[in-house]
Amino acid sequence: MPLITPLAQDANSEVAELAKFFNETLGFCPNSVLTMQRRPAIASAFINLNKAVMANEGRVTAEQKRLIGYLTSANTGCRYCEAHTILAAERYGGSEERLANIWQFRDSDLYSPAEKAAFEFALAASSVPNAVDDEITAQMHAHWDEGETVEILGVIALFGYLNRWNDSMGTTMEGGAVDAGERLLSETSWQRGKHV
């Protein structure tokens, strides 16, 4: 049972207008946003931050950002965000093969050296305590410029917020996310967990 029940999608017209962004990303407005709208300023600020973080200003693609979000969320154990990010990665062009093999990224030719550096960074930056070290920093400098690194860390930090929000709230998982988790994460330890 969730800590706070989500409000209806049209409970706040300003939030509802901003939340149309998620129709492209996920095909639905996430219950996390519908819960945040109990304080519309929080929901609006979050949506605007999400839009800014997910904007593609450099070479980091929409699919890569969602895979970074997935690794971050899986690393912290947020089942809700795992399902959402793998769904979004698929919607932004992630092939079945890339999605299914993300945990083998270190040894796979499906991912570029730049992606591998970003994925290692995601795992290290989302660890507690933080595990970003000189080697990871050097790999990031070797493959990504400063603006792209800011974009990548923006994704990691955004999902750090969402992981805490959704796991603490026990946010109810939407049908589309449940389907994505069952379909795309069947070979992992993913389960719906408390997000009923």
Protein backbone atom coordinates (compact mmCIF):
# COMPACT_ATOMS: atom_id res chain seq x y z
CA MET A 1 0.00 0.00 0.00
CA PRO A 2 1.45 3.39 -0.95
CA LEU A 3 2.30 5.93 1.73
CA ILE A 4 0.38 8.62 -0.22
CA THR A 5 -2.32 7.99 -2.82
CA PRO A 6 -1.70 9.64 -6.20
CA LEU A 7 -4.13 12.37 -7.23
CA ALA A 8 -6.04 12.28 -10.50
CA GLN A 9 -4.06 13.30 -13.56
CA ASP A 10 -6.15 16.46 -13.98
CA ALA A 11 -6.03 17.53 -10.31
CA ASN A 12 -3.83 20.52 -11.18
CA SER A 13 -4.03 22.00 -14.68
CA GLU A 14 -0.48 23.42 -14.66
CA VAL A 15 1.02 20.10 -13.59
CA ALA A 16 -1.18 18.22 -16.08
CA GLU A 17 0.09 20.39 -18.93
CA LEU A 18 3.73 19.90 -17.94
CA ALA A 19 3.19 16.17 -17.40
CA LYS A 20 2.35 15.65 -21.08
CA PHE A 21 6.13 15.24 -21.41
CA PHE A 22 5.79 11.75 -19.94
CA ASN A 23 3.36 10.63 -22.62
CA GLU A 24 6.28 10.55 -25.06
CA THR A 25 8.71 9.03 -22.58
CA LEU A 26 6.50 6.37 -21.02
CA GLY A 27 3.09 6.57 -22.65
CA PHE A 28 1.50 7.63 -19.34
CA CYS A 29 2.02 10.04 -16.45
CA PRO A 30 3.85 8.26 -13.61
CA ASN A 31 2.16 7.92 -10.24
CA SER A 32 5.23 9.51 -8.66
CA VAL A 33 4.32 12.80 -10.36
CA LEU A 34 0.66 12.37 -9.45
CA THR A 35 1.73 12.03 -5.82
CA MET A 36 4.07 15.05 -6.02
CA GLN A 37 1.24 17.22 -7.28
CA ARG A 38 -0.17 17.38 -3.73
CA ARG A 39 2.38 20.18 -3.68
CA PRO A 40 2.14 21.51 -7.24
CA ALA A 41 5.35 23.52 -6.96
CA ILE A 42 7.29 20.32 -6.25
CA ALA A 43 5.64 18.49 -9.16
CA SER A 44 6.27 21.40 -11.54
CA ALA A 45 9.90 21.81 -10.46
CA PHE A 46 10.50 18.07 -10.81
CA ILE A 47 8.98 17.89 -14.30
CA ASN A 48 11.02 20.89 -15.45
CA LEU A 49 14.19 19.37 -13.99
CA ASN A 50 13.38 16.06 -15.68
CA LYS A 51 12.87 17.81 -19.03
CA ALA A 52 16.16 19.71 -18.64
CA VAL A 53 18.15 16.63 -17.64
CA MET A 54 16.71 14.50 -20.43
CA ALA A 55 17.24 17.12 -23.16
CA ASN A 56 19.91 15.96 -25.58
CA GLU A 57 22.45 18.77 -25.81
CA GLY A 58 25.51 16.71 -26.74
CA ARG A 59 26.25 13.17 -27.87
CA VAL A 60 24.44 11.46 -24.99
CA THR A 61 21.35 9.92 -26.57
CA ALA A 62 17.88 9.54 -25.06
CA GLU A 63 18.34 5.76 -25.02
CA GLN A 64 21.70 6.04 -23.25
CA LYS A 65 20.23 8.35 -20.62
CA ARG A 66 17.48 5.84 -19.86
CA LEU A 67 20.02 2.99 -19.61
CA ILE A 68 22.04 5.13 -17.19
CA GLY A 69 18.84 5.71 -15.23
CA TYR A 70 18.15 1.98 -15.27
CA LEU A 71 21.60 1.07 -13.93
CA THR A 72 21.33 3.77 -11.26
CA SER A 73 17.90 2.54 -10.18
CA ALA A 74 18.83 -1.14 -10.19
CA ASN A 75 21.96 -0.34 -8.19
CA THR A 76 19.88 1.35 -5.50
CA GLY A 77 17.17 -1.32 -5.64
CA CYS A 78 14.25 0.84 -6.81
CA ARG A 79 12.01 -1.63 -8.64
CA TYR A 80 9.59 1.14 -9.66
CA CYS A 81 12.29 3.13 -11.47
CA GLU A 82 13.89 0.02 -12.98
CA ALA A 83 10.65 -0.76 -14.81
CA HIS A 84 10.14 2.84 -15.91
CA THR A 85 13.68 3.34 -17.21
CA ILE A 86 13.84 0.05 -19.12
CA LEU A 87 10.48 0.90 -20.72
CA ALA A 88 11.72 4.37 -21.67
CA ALA A 89 15.00 2.94 -23.05
CA GLU A 90 12.94 0.66 -25.28
CA ARG A 91 10.69 3.53 -26.38
CA TYR A 92 13.80 5.54 -27.31
CA GLY A 93 15.21 2.84 -29.58
CA GLY A 94 16.93 0.40 -27.25
CA SER A 95 17.12 -2.94 -29.03
CA GLU A 96 15.99 -6.11 -27.32
CA GLU A 97 19.60 -7.28 -27.38
CA ARG A 98 21.01 -4.11 -25.76
CA LEU A 99 18.31 -4.09 -23.09
CA ALA A 100 18.72 -7.79 -22.29
CA ASN A 101 22.51 -7.56 -22.02
CA ILE A 102 22.95 -4.32 -20.10
CA TRP A 103 24.49 -6.11 -17.10
CA GLN A 104 27.13 -7.62 -19.40
CA PHE A 105 28.13 -4.20 -20.73
CA ARG A 106 31.74 -4.53 -19.56
CA ASP A 107 32.43 -7.47 -21.89
CA SER A 108 29.96 -6.81 -24.68
CA ASP A 109 30.52 -5.33 -28.13
CA LEU A 110 26.95 -4.00 -27.99
CA TYR A 111 28.20 -0.97 -26.06
CA SER A 112 30.87 1.54 -27.04
CA PRO A 113 33.85 2.40 -24.82
CA ALA A 114 32.16 5.75 -24.11
CA GLU A 115 28.96 4.00 -22.99
CA LYS A 116 30.95 1.63 -20.81
CA ALA A 117 32.61 4.60 -19.10
CA ALA A 118 29.21 6.24 -18.51
CA PHE A 119 27.73 3.01 -17.15
CA GLU A 120 30.65 2.51 -14.73
CA PHE A 121 30.21 6.12 -13.66
CA ALA A 122 26.48 5.52 -13.07
CA LEU A 123 27.14 2.51 -10.86
CA ALA A 124 29.88 4.27 -8.90
CA ALA A 125 28.00 7.55 -8.48
CA SER A 126 24.82 5.81 -7.31
CA SER A 127 26.64 3.70 -4.73
CA VAL A 128 26.63 4.49 -1.03
CA PRO A 129 29.25 5.48 -0.20
CA ASN A 130 30.02 7.11 -3.51
CA ALA A 131 32.59 5.08 -5.46
CA VAL A 132 33.69 7.53 -8.17
CA ASP A 133 37.48 7.29 -8.21
CA ASP A 134 40.40 8.54 -10.29
CA GLU A 135 40.10 5.70 -12.83
CA ILE A 136 36.40 6.35 -13.45
CA THR A 137 37.07 10.09 -13.66
CA ALA A 138 39.84 9.49 -16.22
CA GLN A 139 37.55 7.30 -18.34
CA MET A 140 34.84 9.96 -18.29
CA HIS A 141 37.36 12.61 -19.39
CA ALA A 142 38.60 10.29 -22.15
CA HIS A 143 35.15 9.77 -23.67
CA TRP A 144 32.83 12.64 -22.74
CA ASP A 145 33.20 16.42 -22.69
CA GLU A 146 32.31 18.45 -19.60
CA GLY A 147 28.80 19.29 -20.76
CA GLU A 148 28.05 15.64 -21.54
CA THR A 149 29.40 14.61 -18.14
CA VAL A 150 27.04 17.12 -16.54
CA GLU A 151 24.15 15.58 -18.51
CA ILE A 152 25.13 12.05 -17.41
CA LEU A 153 25.48 13.02 -13.75
CA GLY A 154 22.20 14.92 -14.03
CA VAL A 155 20.50 11.63 -14.97
CA ILE A 156 22.17 9.78 -12.09
CA ALA A 157 21.19 12.49 -9.60
CA LEU A 158 17.63 12.73 -10.97
CA PHE A 159 17.14 9.02 -10.46
CA GLY A 160 18.74 9.23 -7.03
CA TYR A 161 15.86 11.54 -6.13
CA LEU A 162 13.28 9.31 -7.79
CA ASN A 163 14.69 6.14 -6.21
CA ARG A 164 14.31 7.66 -2.74
CA TRP A 165 10.89 9.11 -3.55
CA ASN A 166 9.34 5.97 -5.00
CA ASP A 167 10.81 3.46 -2.57
CA SER A 168 9.84 5.60 0.43
CA MET A 169 6.36 6.25 -0.96
CA GLY A 170 5.85 2.67 -2.10
CA THR A 171 4.49 4.30 -5.25
CA THR A 172 1.87 2.18 -7.00
CA MET A 173 3.31 0.88 -10.27
CA GLU A 174 1.27 1.53 -13.40
CA GLY A 175 0.22 -1.29 -15.72
CA GLY A 176 2.57 -0.18 -18.51
CA ALA A 177 5.54 -0.26 -16.15
CA VAL A 178 4.57 -3.67 -14.72
CA ASP A 179 4.32 -5.03 -18.26
CA ALA A 180 7.74 -3.62 -19.13
CA GLY A 181 9.32 -5.09 -16.01
CA GLU A 182 7.84 -8.53 -16.65
CA ARG A 183 8.67 -8.45 -20.34
CA LEU A 184 12.08 -6.76 -20.40
CA LEU A 185 13.55 -7.72 -17.03
CA SER A 186 12.47 -11.36 -16.83
CA GLU A 187 16.09 -12.53 -16.90
CA THR A 188 17.02 -10.41 -13.86
CA SER A 189 15.96 -10.45 -10.23
CA TRP A 190 13.35 -7.75 -10.92
CA GLN A 191 10.02 -8.02 -9.19
CA ARG A 192 7.23 -5.55 -8.52
CA GLY A 193 7.92 -5.62 -4.79
CA LYS A 194 6.06 -3.10 -2.65
CA HIS A 195 4.84 -1.10 -5.64
CA VAL A 196 1.33 -2.62 -5.77
